[in-house]
């Protein structure tokens, strides 16, 4: 999986011009059909999308090109999931968060539990991202709990991204830096640090 622009025309142009590198071997990828259609619940309603697939010209591996507004294996927009995580850090319970976001309470509880279980890994990954993006970033200070520390590391990495590349939606940057794997089962996070 590779996180790309949410603009279909931009993704097609990047594929046609050979600007997308394989996440496994960095060789140029070309178009290779489409992934299955999926529904993404966004703050503004429902979005139907059918992500592009690409095939590496080197290792012949195929990859789904997931738009940066999404996370792998999640039906909700990354900013909705991010809002739930931020609300939890602020002290809200999962039921209150679910009502505010219009999401099933068990879905929100699942996001928060997964984020909590992966907090150490998330903190380490985003701390590394911050240092790669800005070697003079300084330490990521403890914020009081595992999930708060992880969110602090995310904030520092997003700030480093914005300073290097310019303004961007913070949770879309998170999707990109995590390779869409923020809440996945895998023991590691993916994604390249720079575009």
Protein backbone atom coordinates (compact mmCIF):
# COMPACT_ATOMS: atom_id res chain seq x y z
CA UNK A 1 0.00 0.00 0.00
CA UNK A 2 1.19 3.47 -0.85
CA UNK A 3 -0.43 6.70 0.34
CA UNK A 4 -1.01 9.16 -2.50
CA UNK A 5 -2.92 12.32 -3.28
CA UNK A 6 -6.69 12.31 -2.92
CA UNK A 7 -6.92 13.88 -6.40
CA UNK A 8 -7.53 11.12 -8.98
CA UNK A 9 -6.07 13.17 -11.84
CA UNK A 10 -2.87 13.84 -9.86
CA UNK A 11 -2.42 10.12 -9.13
CA UNK A 12 -2.93 9.23 -12.80
CA UNK A 13 -0.42 11.90 -13.84
CA UNK A 14 2.12 10.65 -11.27
CA UNK A 15 1.73 7.08 -12.57
CA UNK A 16 1.99 8.14 -16.22
CA UNK A 17 5.08 10.27 -15.56
CA UNK A 18 6.83 7.60 -13.45
CA UNK A 19 6.86 9.68 -10.26
CA UNK A 20 5.64 6.90 -7.95
CA UNK A 21 8.23 4.54 -6.52
CA UNK A 22 7.58 1.08 -5.16
CA UNK A 23 7.40 1.07 -1.33
CA UNK A 24 9.43 -2.17 -1.35
CA UNK A 25 12.28 -1.45 -3.77
CA UNK A 26 11.82 2.21 -4.91
CA UNK A 27 11.70 1.28 -8.62
CA UNK A 28 9.14 3.15 -10.77
CA UNK A 29 5.58 1.80 -10.74
CA UNK A 30 3.03 1.80 -13.54
CA UNK A 31 -0.77 1.51 -13.66
CA UNK A 32 -2.22 -1.93 -12.85
CA UNK A 33 -6.01 -1.73 -12.65
CA UNK A 34 -8.04 -0.84 -9.59
CA UNK A 35 -8.71 -2.18 -6.11
CA UNK A 36 -12.26 -3.00 -5.05
CA UNK A 37 -14.64 -0.12 -4.54
CA UNK A 38 -15.06 0.98 -0.95
CA UNK A 39 -17.13 3.44 1.00
CA UNK A 40 -15.36 6.00 3.15
CA UNK A 41 -17.40 7.78 5.82
CA UNK A 42 -16.25 11.38 5.91
CA UNK A 43 -17.24 14.38 7.99
CA UNK A 44 -19.13 15.74 4.99
CA UNK A 45 -20.93 12.49 4.13
CA UNK A 46 -20.08 9.29 2.33
CA UNK A 47 -17.44 9.04 -0.37
CA UNK A 48 -17.27 6.10 -2.76
CA UNK A 49 -13.79 5.42 -4.01
CA UNK A 50 -12.02 2.81 -6.04
CA UNK A 51 -8.30 3.12 -5.34
CA UNK A 52 -5.84 2.70 -8.17
CA UNK A 53 -3.43 -0.21 -8.16
CA UNK A 54 0.11 0.02 -9.43
CA UNK A 55 2.73 -2.56 -10.34
CA UNK A 56 6.43 -2.19 -9.74
CA UNK A 57 8.57 -2.47 -12.86
CA UNK A 58 11.40 -3.90 -10.77
CA UNK A 59 10.05 -6.45 -8.28
CA UNK A 60 6.66 -6.89 -10.05
CA UNK A 61 4.82 -6.37 -6.76
CA UNK A 62 1.42 -4.71 -6.88
CA UNK A 63 0.30 -2.01 -4.48
CA UNK A 64 -2.95 -0.24 -3.71
CA UNK A 65 -2.61 3.54 -4.00
CA UNK A 66 -4.70 4.66 -1.05
CA UNK A 67 -5.68 8.35 -0.89
CA UNK A 68 -4.20 10.20 2.06
CA UNK A 69 -7.67 10.89 3.49
CA UNK A 70 -7.90 7.20 4.44
CA UNK A 71 -6.17 4.59 6.56
CA UNK A 72 -5.75 0.97 5.56
CA UNK A 73 -8.66 -1.29 6.53
CA UNK A 74 -10.69 1.59 8.01
CA UNK A 75 -14.06 2.78 6.74
CA UNK A 76 -13.76 6.27 8.21
CA UNK A 77 -11.77 9.26 7.06
CA UNK A 78 -8.46 9.69 8.88
CA UNK A 79 -9.49 13.10 10.24
CA UNK A 80 -12.56 11.53 11.91
CA UNK A 81 -10.37 8.91 13.57
CA UNK A 82 -7.89 11.63 14.54
CA UNK A 83 -10.65 13.73 16.09
CA UNK A 84 -11.63 10.74 18.23
CA UNK A 85 -8.05 10.28 19.43
CA UNK A 86 -7.71 13.98 20.24
CA UNK A 87 -11.03 13.96 22.14
CA UNK A 88 -9.89 10.95 24.18
CA UNK A 89 -6.70 12.75 25.18
CA UNK A 90 -8.89 15.71 26.22
CA UNK A 91 -10.76 13.36 28.59
CA UNK A 92 -13.92 12.43 26.69
CA UNK A 93 -15.22 8.86 26.82
CA UNK A 94 -15.82 6.79 23.71
CA UNK A 95 -19.61 7.10 23.86
CA UNK A 96 -19.53 10.89 23.96
CA UNK A 97 -16.98 10.95 21.15
CA UNK A 98 -19.13 8.61 19.07
CA UNK A 99 -22.20 10.83 19.44
CA UNK A 100 -20.21 13.94 18.49
CA UNK A 101 -18.71 12.27 15.41
CA UNK A 102 -21.81 10.31 14.38
CA UNK A 103 -19.96 6.99 14.54
CA UNK A 104 -20.90 3.71 16.22
CA UNK A 105 -19.60 3.71 19.83
CA UNK A 106 -17.97 0.28 19.42
CA UNK A 107 -16.08 1.55 16.37
CA UNK A 108 -14.71 4.49 18.36
CA UNK A 109 -13.81 2.20 21.26
CA UNK A 110 -11.95 -0.06 18.81
CA UNK A 111 -9.94 2.85 17.40
CA UNK A 112 -9.01 4.09 20.87
CA UNK A 113 -8.04 0.63 22.12
CA UNK A 114 -5.90 -0.04 19.05
CA UNK A 115 -4.22 3.35 19.35
CA UNK A 116 -3.59 2.71 23.05
CA UNK A 117 -2.09 -0.74 22.45
CA UNK A 118 0.19 0.65 19.74
CA UNK A 119 1.04 3.91 21.55
CA UNK A 120 4.70 3.03 22.17
CA UNK A 121 5.23 1.95 18.58
CA UNK A 122 3.41 5.03 17.27
CA UNK A 123 5.48 7.33 19.49
CA UNK A 124 8.73 5.75 18.33
CA UNK A 125 7.76 5.84 14.65
CA UNK A 126 6.65 9.46 14.63
CA UNK A 127 9.67 10.52 16.68
CA UNK A 128 11.87 8.97 13.97
CA UNK A 129 9.82 10.72 11.28
CA UNK A 130 10.25 14.06 13.05
CA UNK A 131 14.03 13.61 13.23
CA UNK A 132 14.28 12.64 9.55
CA UNK A 133 12.17 15.64 8.54
CA UNK A 134 14.01 18.06 10.86
CA UNK A 135 17.31 16.82 12.37
CA UNK A 136 17.32 19.79 14.78
CA UNK A 137 13.83 19.06 16.13
CA UNK A 138 14.92 18.42 19.72
CA UNK A 139 13.40 15.88 22.12
CA UNK A 140 9.76 14.82 22.13
CA UNK A 141 8.76 15.53 25.71
CA UNK A 142 6.56 13.17 27.73
CA UNK A 143 2.91 14.23 27.85
CA UNK A 144 1.74 12.19 30.82
CA UNK A 145 0.46 8.88 29.41
CA UNK A 146 1.25 6.44 26.63
CA UNK A 147 -1.44 7.72 24.29
CA UNK A 148 -0.70 11.36 25.10
CA UNK A 149 2.99 10.71 24.41
CA UNK A 150 2.09 9.12 21.07
CA UNK A 151 -0.10 12.09 20.12
CA UNK A 152 2.70 14.48 21.12
CA UNK A 153 5.14 12.62 18.84
CA UNK A 154 2.57 12.83 16.04
CA UNK A 155 2.21 16.58 16.60
CA UNK A 156 5.99 17.10 16.48
CA UNK A 157 6.30 15.05 13.26
CA UNK A 158 3.40 16.90 11.61
CA UNK A 159 4.98 20.23 12.57
CA UNK A 160 8.28 19.11 11.03
CA UNK A 161 6.40 18.08 7.87
CA UNK A 162 4.63 21.44 7.61
CA UNK A 163 7.89 23.34 8.13
CA UNK A 164 9.52 21.33 5.37
CA UNK A 165 6.71 20.96 2.81
CA UNK A 166 4.15 23.62 3.68
CA UNK A 167 0.61 23.60 5.08
CA UNK A 168 -1.31 20.32 5.09
CA UNK A 169 -4.15 18.65 6.96
CA UNK A 170 -2.47 17.16 10.06
CA UNK A 171 -4.25 13.80 9.96
CA UNK A 172 -3.57 13.40 6.25
CA UNK A 173 0.10 13.87 7.07
CA UNK A 174 -0.29 11.16 9.73
CA UNK A 175 -1.81 8.82 7.13
CA UNK A 176 1.08 9.51 4.79
CA UNK A 177 3.83 9.14 7.41
CA UNK A 178 2.33 5.89 8.75
CA UNK A 179 1.84 4.47 5.26
CA UNK A 180 -1.86 4.10 6.12
CA UNK A 181 -0.98 1.64 8.89
CA UNK A 182 -1.66 3.77 11.99
CA UNK A 183 -4.25 1.34 13.39
CA UNK A 184 -3.19 -1.89 11.67
CA UNK A 185 -2.40 -5.23 13.29
CA UNK A 186 1.12 -5.26 11.89
CA UNK A 187 3.90 -4.85 14.45
CA UNK A 188 5.50 -1.99 12.50
CA UNK A 189 4.38 1.16 10.78
CA UNK A 190 5.14 1.72 7.13
CA UNK A 191 5.47 4.56 4.74
CA UNK A 192 8.31 6.68 3.52
CA UNK A 193 9.04 9.76 5.53
CA UNK A 194 9.42 12.19 2.64
CA UNK A 195 7.56 12.46 -0.65
